[in-house]
């Protein structure tokens, strides 16, 4: 949400979400929510978020989020979007990589070349397969079924508004709000060896939902249903030449912990600003090797968490270091233009925070360019920017470390050798 806020999308994203606390309520049925037990799931509460960040975790359905992002992308002058196009092959080419694309409507194929390719094409990534990148994966843990449905569940839970509800016998399962109004998801495990899909028809699903809710005559309308497998995997490499893997193509997690899309979004931002720097000549291409160096430990943590049976139950303080990653602390700062967060000071190049009067502002002659931000001494001290030379920050709010870039240079040289 901090990344989306930096792009001016926070309000549009919230418009399709639900105002909930991101905790899990364990209860016999939803109608007995008042007597349920609250469990931390690793996300800060609204009050905790107010201290940590200018925003807070959101409960937003994926289809709404994707449309907000797609509209934003289409509004960029440099972006070109094609839907319904399949990548069928990828290979090394003279100027980078060649790709064979097939149009889903006409079936026509064409070949294009690109300097860089980002494989964000899911758990069964064609890009990853064509590049010959192997995957370390778990055995399938169990099968599950999810149901998208509409029912007035907010009326049932009343003031007990949370991001996830787990119900016990007689109908164990999980309820999640999936959009504004009465749109919900319900999931439960099932065994295809002893159960048949024919036994999970709409009438049976409605009956199970009503049992889990604890309201026998609850009006329920099933919108969709899908089966999926609980499993996890991580690619042996996130980079192959000028091709990169992000999201499920690089690391697949189970729904436990709700880290899948969050990890993918952070992947995209980390790789995105580094590709931008390389393309603009602000940094050597070896900077791109730090993408895997920085993202793999987070992915490994989230994969391990997702296969842990207790992976949905985590203390907030234990997960914050993986969530925030050591980025610049959030502080509200009063400016002539209004109140802003310290995170709003970050730019696309380097940003220097300092209490000293800078000798120049927004020095675009440096590579990468440095934007100077002067702070009052109290704010500078609170942010750790009162040291000589101030605090030099990357676009993601981490301290710029030239030694890490030098380490990437070494990796690049070793690969060439």
Protein backbone atom coordinates (compact mmCIF):
# COMPACT_ATOMS: atom_id res chain seq x y z
CA UNK A 1 0.00 0.00 0.00
CA UNK A 2 2.96 2.35 0.54
CA UNK A 3 4.07 1.70 -3.03
CA UNK A 4 0.57 2.26 -4.40
CA UNK A 5 0.32 5.43 -2.34
CA UNK A 6 3.54 6.72 -3.89
CA UNK A 7 1.86 6.37 -7.32
CA UNK A 8 -1.24 8.26 -6.17
CA UNK A 9 -3.45 5.14 -6.25
CA UNK A 10 -4.29 4.69 -2.58
CA UNK A 11 -7.79 6.19 -2.68
CA UNK A 12 -8.77 4.32 -5.87
CA UNK A 13 -7.63 1.03 -4.36
CA UNK A 14 -9.41 1.63 -1.07
CA UNK A 15 -12.58 2.42 -3.00
CA UNK A 16 -13.01 -1.28 -3.81
CA UNK A 17 -11.99 -2.67 -0.44
CA UNK A 18 -13.43 -3.27 3.01
CA UNK A 19 -12.67 -1.38 6.19
CA UNK A 20 -11.47 -4.21 8.44
CA UNK A 21 -8.81 -5.00 10.98
CA UNK A 22 -6.30 -7.49 9.61
CA UNK A 23 -6.67 -10.12 12.30
CA UNK A 24 -8.18 -13.59 12.21
CA UNK A 25 -11.30 -14.41 14.17
CA UNK A 26 -11.63 -18.08 15.12
CA UNK A 27 -15.25 -18.93 15.87
CA UNK A 28 -17.61 -21.88 15.76
CA UNK A 29 -19.88 -20.05 13.27
CA UNK A 30 -19.96 -16.45 12.04
CA UNK A 31 -23.18 -15.88 13.97
CA UNK A 32 -21.14 -16.53 17.13
CA UNK A 33 -18.46 -13.97 16.24
CA UNK A 34 -18.93 -12.12 19.55
CA UNK A 35 -17.52 -15.12 21.43
CA UNK A 36 -14.71 -15.86 18.96
CA UNK A 37 -10.97 -15.64 19.60
CA UNK A 38 -8.75 -13.07 17.87
CA UNK A 39 -5.44 -14.21 16.39
CA UNK A 40 -2.61 -12.09 15.00
CA UNK A 41 -1.77 -12.84 11.36
CA UNK A 42 1.41 -10.76 11.02
CA UNK A 43 -0.21 -7.53 9.82
CA UNK A 44 -0.24 -4.37 11.97
CA UNK A 45 -3.55 -3.08 13.28
CA UNK A 46 -4.93 0.33 12.32
CA UNK A 47 -3.43 1.90 15.45
CA UNK A 48 -0.06 0.21 14.91
CA UNK A 49 -0.05 1.23 11.25
CA UNK A 50 -0.63 4.86 12.24
CA UNK A 51 2.76 4.79 13.95
CA UNK A 52 4.57 2.78 11.28
CA UNK A 53 3.27 4.15 8.01
CA UNK A 54 1.24 6.83 6.21
CA UNK A 55 -1.14 4.05 5.12
CA UNK A 56 -2.23 0.63 6.37
CA UNK A 57 -2.89 -2.90 5.14
CA UNK A 58 -5.93 -3.18 2.90
CA UNK A 59 -8.51 -5.88 2.25
CA UNK A 60 -9.01 -5.42 -1.48
CA UNK A 61 -10.12 -8.06 -4.02
CA UNK A 62 -7.58 -8.89 -6.72
CA UNK A 63 -9.90 -8.11 -9.63
CA UNK A 64 -10.46 -4.54 -8.38
CA UNK A 65 -6.75 -4.00 -7.70
CA UNK A 66 -5.77 -5.26 -11.15
CA UNK A 67 -8.20 -2.90 -12.90
CA UNK A 68 -6.84 0.09 -10.95
CA UNK A 69 -3.30 -0.87 -11.93
CA UNK A 70 -4.27 -1.55 -15.55
CA UNK A 71 -5.96 1.84 -15.89
CA UNK A 72 -2.91 3.53 -14.37
CA UNK A 73 -0.57 1.69 -16.74
CA UNK A 74 -2.65 2.63 -19.78
CA UNK A 75 -2.43 6.26 -18.71
CA UNK A 76 1.36 6.30 -18.93
CA UNK A 77 2.68 7.74 -22.19
CA UNK A 78 5.46 5.15 -22.37
CA UNK A 79 3.26 2.10 -21.77
CA UNK A 80 1.70 -0.21 -24.35
CA UNK A 81 -0.72 -2.88 -23.15
CA UNK A 82 -1.87 -5.97 -25.06
CA UNK A 83 -4.29 -8.47 -23.56
CA UNK A 84 -4.97 -12.02 -24.67
CA UNK A 85 -1.43 -12.57 -25.92
CA UNK A 86 0.48 -15.74 -25.05
CA UNK A 87 4.26 -16.17 -24.89
CA UNK A 88 5.07 -19.48 -26.55
CA UNK A 89 8.86 -19.33 -26.66
CA UNK A 90 11.82 -17.28 -25.41
CA UNK A 91 15.41 -17.41 -26.60
CA UNK A 92 18.61 -15.40 -26.51
CA UNK A 93 18.89 -12.93 -29.38
CA UNK A 94 21.50 -10.47 -30.59
CA UNK A 95 20.00 -7.46 -28.81
CA UNK A 96 18.73 -9.31 -25.75
CA UNK A 97 15.90 -11.81 -26.05
CA UNK A 98 13.53 -13.04 -28.75
CA UNK A 99 9.94 -14.00 -28.02
CA UNK A 100 7.30 -15.85 -30.00
CA UNK A 101 3.86 -14.39 -29.24
CA UNK A 102 0.45 -15.77 -30.17
CA UNK A 103 -2.71 -13.68 -30.28
CA UNK A 104 -5.48 -15.47 -28.38
CA UNK A 105 -8.18 -14.13 -30.68
CA UNK A 106 -6.81 -14.61 -34.17
CA UNK A 107 -4.22 -17.27 -33.37
CA UNK A 108 -1.64 -15.30 -35.35
CA UNK A 109 1.99 -15.54 -34.23
CA UNK A 110 4.73 -12.94 -34.36
CA UNK A 111 8.30 -12.62 -33.16
CA UNK A 112 9.56 -9.63 -31.19
CA UNK A 113 12.89 -8.77 -29.62
CA UNK A 114 13.44 -7.06 -26.29
CA UNK A 115 16.45 -5.96 -24.32
CA UNK A 116 14.88 -7.31 -21.12
CA UNK A 117 12.06 -9.75 -20.39
CA UNK A 118 10.23 -10.04 -17.08
CA UNK A 119 8.47 -13.35 -16.63
CA UNK A 120 5.46 -12.52 -14.45
CA UNK A 121 3.47 -15.36 -15.99
CA UNK A 122 2.54 -17.36 -12.93
CA UNK A 123 3.32 -20.66 -11.27
CA UNK A 124 3.49 -22.51 -14.61
CA UNK A 125 5.64 -19.78 -16.20
CA UNK A 126 6.43 -20.41 -19.85
CA UNK A 127 9.28 -17.91 -19.62
CA UNK A 128 10.85 -19.87 -16.78
CA UNK A 129 10.44 -23.18 -18.60
CA UNK A 130 11.90 -21.91 -21.88
CA UNK A 131 14.87 -20.44 -20.06
CA UNK A 132 15.53 -23.82 -18.48
CA UNK A 133 15.30 -22.54 -14.91
CA UNK A 134 14.49 -25.40 -12.56
CA UNK A 135 12.24 -25.20 -9.51
CA UNK A 136 12.48 -26.58 -5.99
CA UNK A 137 8.97 -27.41 -4.85
CA UNK A 138 7.08 -29.14 -2.09
CA UNK A 139 4.77 -32.07 -2.60
CA UNK A 140 1.14 -31.04 -2.83
CA UNK A 141 -0.05 -30.52 0.74
CA UNK A 142 -3.78 -30.87 0.14
CA UNK A 143 -6.59 -29.90 -2.19
CA UNK A 144 -8.91 -27.01 -1.49
CA UNK A 145 -12.04 -25.48 -2.98
CA UNK A 146 -12.92 -21.79 -2.95
CA UNK A 147 -16.36 -20.33 -3.55
CA UNK A 148 -17.06 -16.73 -4.53
CA UNK A 149 -20.55 -15.86 -3.35
CA UNK A 150 -22.84 -13.06 -2.25
CA UNK A 151 -24.54 -13.01 1.12
CA UNK A 152 -25.22 -10.37 3.81
CA UNK A 153 -22.47 -11.56 6.16
CA UNK A 154 -21.61 -8.12 7.53
CA UNK A 155 -25.06 -8.09 9.09
CA UNK A 156 -24.19 -11.41 10.74
CA UNK A 157 -20.78 -10.47 12.20
CA UNK A 158 -21.87 -6.94 13.14
CA UNK A 159 -19.04 -4.84 14.58
CA UNK A 160 -16.61 -7.77 14.47
CA UNK A 161 -15.06 -6.78 11.12
CA UNK A 162 -11.85 -8.66 10.30
CA UNK A 163 -9.87 -9.71 7.26
CA UNK A 164 -10.26 -13.44 7.83
CA UNK A 165 -12.66 -15.70 9.71
CA UNK A 166 -12.03 -19.36 10.51
CA UNK A 167 -15.02 -21.50 11.46
CA UNK A 168 -14.94 -24.75 13.40
CA UNK A 169 -17.20 -27.81 13.36
CA UNK A 170 -19.69 -28.62 11.98
CA UNK A 171 -18.41 -26.82 8.86
CA UNK A 172 -14.68 -26.02 9.14
CA UNK A 173 -13.58 -23.44 6.60
CA UNK A 174 -12.40 -19.91 5.99
CA UNK A 175 -14.43 -16.81 5.12
CA UNK A 176 -12.81 -13.71 3.63
CA UNK A 177 -14.40 -10.42 2.51
CA UNK A 178 -13.92 -10.11 -1.26
CA UNK A 179 -15.12 -6.64 -2.16
CA UNK A 180 -17.55 -4.04 -1.01
CA UNK A 181 -21.07 -5.02 -0.13
CA UNK A 182 -22.00 -8.65 0.25
CA UNK A 183 -19.19 -10.25 -1.81
CA UNK A 184 -17.26 -13.01 0.02
CA UNK A 185 -14.93 -15.97 -0.48
CA UNK A 186 -15.33 -19.27 1.32
CA UNK A 187 -12.63 -21.94 1.24
CA UNK A 188 -12.25 -25.42 2.67
CA UNK A 189 -10.11 -28.49 2.10
CA UNK A 190 -11.45 -31.53 0.30
CA UNK A 191 -10.06 -34.92 -0.70
CA UNK A 192 -10.63 -35.78 -4.38
CA UNK A 193 -9.81 -39.43 -3.57
CA UNK A 194 -12.97 -39.80 -1.49
CA UNK A 195 -15.08 -36.84 -2.61
CA UNK A 196 -16.44 -36.07 -6.06
CA UNK A 197 -16.95 -32.67 -7.62
CA UNK A 198 -20.49 -33.83 -8.37
CA UNK A 199 -21.03 -33.94 -4.60
CA UNK A 200 -19.97 -30.29 -4.33
CA UNK A 201 -22.75 -28.80 -6.41
CA UNK A 202 -24.28 -25.40 -5.80
CA UNK A 203 -26.95 -26.67 -3.40
CA UNK A 204 -24.36 -28.52 -1.31
CA UNK A 205 -22.06 -25.47 -1.24
CA UNK A 206 -24.89 -23.17 -0.17
CA UNK A 207 -25.82 -25.61 2.60
CA UNK A 208 -22.22 -25.71 3.82
CA UNK A 209 -21.90 -21.91 3.76
CA UNK A 210 -25.12 -21.56 5.75
CA UNK A 211 -23.83 -24.06 8.31
CA UNK A 212 -20.52 -22.21 8.63
CA UNK A 213 -22.35 -18.91 9.02
CA UNK A 214 -24.83 -20.37 11.47
CA UNK A 215 -27.92 -18.96 9.70
CA UNK A 216 -30.04 -21.76 8.17
CA UNK A 217 -32.09 -19.46 5.91
CA UNK A 218 -29.23 -17.15 4.86
CA UNK A 219 -29.76 -15.84 1.29
CA UNK A 220 -26.71 -17.06 -0.68
CA UNK A 221 -25.90 -16.65 -4.37
CA UNK A 222 -22.91 -18.61 -5.67
CA UNK A 223 -20.96 -16.62 -8.28
CA UNK A 224 -18.03 -18.93 -9.00
CA UNK A 225 -16.06 -21.85 -7.60
CA UNK A 226 -12.55 -23.17 -8.15
CA UNK A 227 -10.36 -25.96 -6.90
CA UNK A 228 -6.69 -25.41 -6.18
CA UNK A 229 -3.75 -27.23 -4.64
CA UNK A 230 -1.87 -26.12 -1.56
CA UNK A 231 1.77 -26.23 -2.59
CA UNK A 232 4.88 -24.07 -2.64
CA UNK A 233 7.88 -23.67 -4.92
CA UNK A 234 10.84 -21.40 -5.55
CA UNK A 235 12.89 -21.03 -8.73
CA UNK A 236 16.58 -21.93 -8.47
CA UNK A 237 17.38 -18.59 -10.14
CA UNK A 238 15.42 -15.36 -10.47
CA UNK A 239 17.60 -14.17 -13.37
CA UNK A 240 18.83 -15.81 -16.56
CA UNK A 241 20.79 -13.39 -18.70
CA UNK A 242 18.50 -10.48 -19.49
CA UNK A 243 15.38 -12.31 -18.34
CA UNK A 244 13.94 -12.05 -14.83
CA UNK A 245 11.28 -13.94 -12.89
CA UNK A 246 8.92 -12.23 -10.46
CA UNK A 247 5.80 -13.20 -8.52
CA UNK A 248 4.54 -16.78 -8.80
CA UNK A 249 6.95 -17.44 -11.66
CA UNK A 250 9.77 -17.02 -9.13
CA UNK A 251 8.11 -18.22 -5.93
CA UNK A 252 4.77 -19.85 -5.28
CA UNK A 253 3.26 -19.82 -1.81
CA UNK A 254 0.12 -21.28 -0.28
CA UNK A 255 -2.62 -18.88 0.85
CA UNK A 256 -1.37 -19.13 4.45
CA UNK A 257 -0.13 -15.76 5.60
CA UNK A 258 -1.52 -13.90 2.59
CA UNK A 259 1.96 -13.04 1.30
CA UNK A 260 1.71 -14.12 -2.35
CA UNK A 261 0.63 -10.90 -4.09
CA UNK A 262 2.41 -8.71 -1.54
CA UNK A 263 5.70 -10.44 -2.32
CA UNK A 264 5.10 -10.13 -6.06
CA UNK A 265 4.34 -6.40 -5.84
CA UNK A 266 7.53 -5.79 -3.89
CA UNK A 267 9.44 -7.89 -6.47
CA UNK A 268 8.15 -5.67 -9.24
CA UNK A 269 9.13 -2.44 -7.52
CA UNK A 270 12.60 -3.70 -6.59
CA UNK A 271 13.33 -4.86 -10.14
CA UNK A 272 11.54 -1.90 -11.73
CA UNK A 273 13.64 0.94 -10.35
CA UNK A 274 16.83 -1.02 -10.98
CA UNK A 275 15.90 -1.66 -14.61
CA UNK A 276 15.07 2.03 -14.92
CA UNK A 277 18.50 3.00 -13.61
CA UNK A 278 20.24 0.57 -15.95
CA UNK A 279 18.27 1.77 -18.99
CA UNK A 280 18.96 5.43 -18.17
CA UNK A 281 22.66 4.78 -17.66
CA UNK A 282 22.44 5.70 -13.98
CA UNK A 283 23.98 2.41 -12.86
CA UNK A 284 25.85 -0.56 -14.37
CA UNK A 285 23.79 -3.57 -15.39
CA UNK A 286 25.38 -5.49 -12.52
CA UNK A 287 22.96 -3.61 -10.23
CA UNK A 288 20.30 -5.96 -11.61
CA UNK A 289 21.96 -8.87 -9.84
CA UNK A 290 21.00 -7.32 -6.52
CA UNK A 291 17.35 -8.04 -7.39
CA UNK A 292 17.75 -11.73 -6.52
CA UNK A 293 20.19 -10.99 -3.71
CA UNK A 294 17.57 -8.87 -1.99
CA UNK A 295 14.33 -10.61 -2.91
CA UNK A 296 15.28 -14.30 -2.48
CA UNK A 297 15.58 -14.17 1.35
CA UNK A 298 12.11 -12.62 1.57
CA UNK A 299 10.68 -15.19 -0.82
CA UNK A 300 12.30 -18.05 1.09
CA UNK A 301 10.85 -16.77 4.34
CA UNK A 302 7.36 -16.43 2.90
CA UNK A 303 7.50 -19.84 1.19
CA UNK A 304 8.53 -21.48 4.48
CA UNK A 305 5.82 -19.61 6.34
CA UNK A 306 3.18 -20.67 3.83
CA UNK A 307 3.88 -24.39 4.21
CA UNK A 308 3.89 -24.17 8.00
CA UNK A 309 0.47 -25.37 9.26
CA UNK A 310 0.55 -22.38 11.62
CA UNK A 311 1.73 -19.99 8.93
CA UNK A 312 -1.35 -17.80 9.14
CA UNK A 313 -0.68 -17.15 12.81
CA UNK A 314 2.23 -14.78 13.28
CA UNK A 315 3.17 -12.05 15.71
CA UNK A 316 3.19 -8.62 14.09
CA UNK A 317 6.65 -7.68 15.37
CA UNK A 318 8.13 -10.91 13.99
CA UNK A 319 6.88 -10.16 10.47
CA UNK A 320 7.50 -6.40 10.29
CA UNK A 321 11.20 -6.81 9.56
CA UNK A 322 10.32 -8.84 6.48
CA UNK A 323 7.49 -6.47 5.52
CA UNK A 324 9.26 -3.13 5.98
CA UNK A 325 12.73 -4.46 5.13
CA UNK A 326 14.59 -1.73 7.01
CA UNK A 327 13.18 1.13 4.94
CA UNK A 328 13.22 4.74 6.14
CA UNK A 329 11.01 5.22 9.22
CA UNK A 330 7.73 7.05 8.72
CA UNK A 331 7.31 10.45 10.32
CA UNK A 332 4.74 13.14 9.55
CA UNK A 333 6.40 16.39 8.44
CA UNK A 334 4.70 19.78 8.20
CA UNK A 335 5.61 21.61 4.99
CA UNK A 336 4.41 24.75 3.21
CA UNK A 337 2.38 22.49 0.93
CA UNK A 338 0.81 20.53 3.77
CA UNK A 339 1.57 17.51 5.91
CA UNK A 340 3.57 14.75 4.24
CA UNK A 341 5.25 11.52 5.29
CA UNK A 342 9.02 11.17 5.38
CA UNK A 343 8.45 8.42 2.79
CA UNK A 344 6.98 11.02 0.44
CA UNK A 345 10.43 12.63 0.21
CA UNK A 346 11.82 9.73 -1.81
CA UNK A 347 12.34 10.19 -5.54
CA UNK A 348 13.21 8.06 -8.59
CA UNK A 349 16.94 8.65 -8.13
CA UNK A 350 18.85 9.01 -4.87
CA UNK A 351 17.49 11.19 -2.09
CA UNK A 352 19.71 12.81 0.54
CA UNK A 353 18.10 13.78 3.84
CA UNK A 354 20.13 16.16 5.95
CA UNK A 355 19.83 18.84 8.61
CA UNK A 356 22.61 20.84 6.96
CA UNK A 357 22.06 23.48 4.33
CA UNK A 358 22.86 21.70 1.03
CA UNK A 359 25.33 23.35 -1.31
CA UNK A 360 22.99 22.62 -4.21
CA UNK A 361 19.51 21.22 -4.75
CA UNK A 362 18.34 18.46 -7.07
CA UNK A 363 21.76 17.80 -8.59
CA UNK A 364 20.84 16.06 -11.85
CA UNK A 365 24.45 16.05 -13.04
CA UNK A 366 25.31 13.15 -10.79
CA UNK A 367 24.65 9.56 -11.79
CA UNK A 368 22.29 8.58 -10.40
CA UNK A 369 20.88 12.06 -9.73
CA UNK A 370 20.61 13.17 -6.10
CA UNK A 371 17.68 15.17 -4.75
CA UNK A 372 18.59 17.07 -1.57
CA UNK A 373 15.99 17.35 1.21
CA UNK A 374 16.70 19.60 4.17
CA UNK A 375 15.05 18.70 7.48
CA UNK A 376 14.86 20.45 10.82
CA UNK A 377 17.33 19.01 13.30
CA UNK A 378 14.71 17.26 15.40
CA UNK A 379 13.23 15.44 12.41
CA UNK A 380 16.69 14.66 11.00
CA UNK A 381 17.74 13.15 14.32
CA UNK A 382 14.57 11.04 14.52
CA UNK A 383 15.28 9.64 11.04
CA UNK A 384 19.01 9.14 11.61
CA UNK A 385 19.83 11.83 9.06
CA UNK A 386 21.71 14.13 11.46
CA UNK A 387 25.04 12.42 10.76
CA UNK A 388 27.73 14.07 8.59
CA UNK A 389 26.67 13.79 4.96
CA UNK A 390 23.09 13.03 5.97
CA UNK A 391 21.24 9.93 4.82
CA UNK A 392 21.49 8.82 1.18
CA UNK A 393 18.47 6.74 0.19
CA UNK A 394 17.35 4.56 -2.71
CA UNK A 395 13.84 4.86 -4.23
CA UNK A 396 12.61 2.16 -1.84
CA UNK A 397 13.78 4.03 1.27
CA UNK A 398 16.79 1.82 1.98
CA UNK A 399 20.20 3.38 2.57
CA UNK A 400 22.22 3.44 -0.65
CA UNK A 401 25.12 1.04 -0.25
CA UNK A 402 27.73 1.28 -3.05
CA UNK A 403 29.40 -1.82 -1.60
CA UNK A 404 26.31 -3.90 -2.48
CA UNK A 405 26.60 -2.66 -6.06
CA UNK A 406 30.28 -3.59 -6.01
CA UNK A 407 29.31 -7.07 -4.83
CA UNK A 408 26.97 -7.29 -7.81
CA UNK A 409 29.88 -6.32 -10.06
CA UNK A 410 31.82 -9.29 -8.67
CA UNK A 411 28.90 -11.63 -9.36
CA UNK A 412 28.68 -10.28 -12.91
CA UNK A 413 32.41 -10.84 -13.48
CA UNK A 414 32.22 -14.37 -12.07
CA UNK A 415 29.33 -15.22 -14.39
CA UNK A 416 31.27 -13.87 -17.39
CA UNK A 417 34.31 -15.92 -16.40
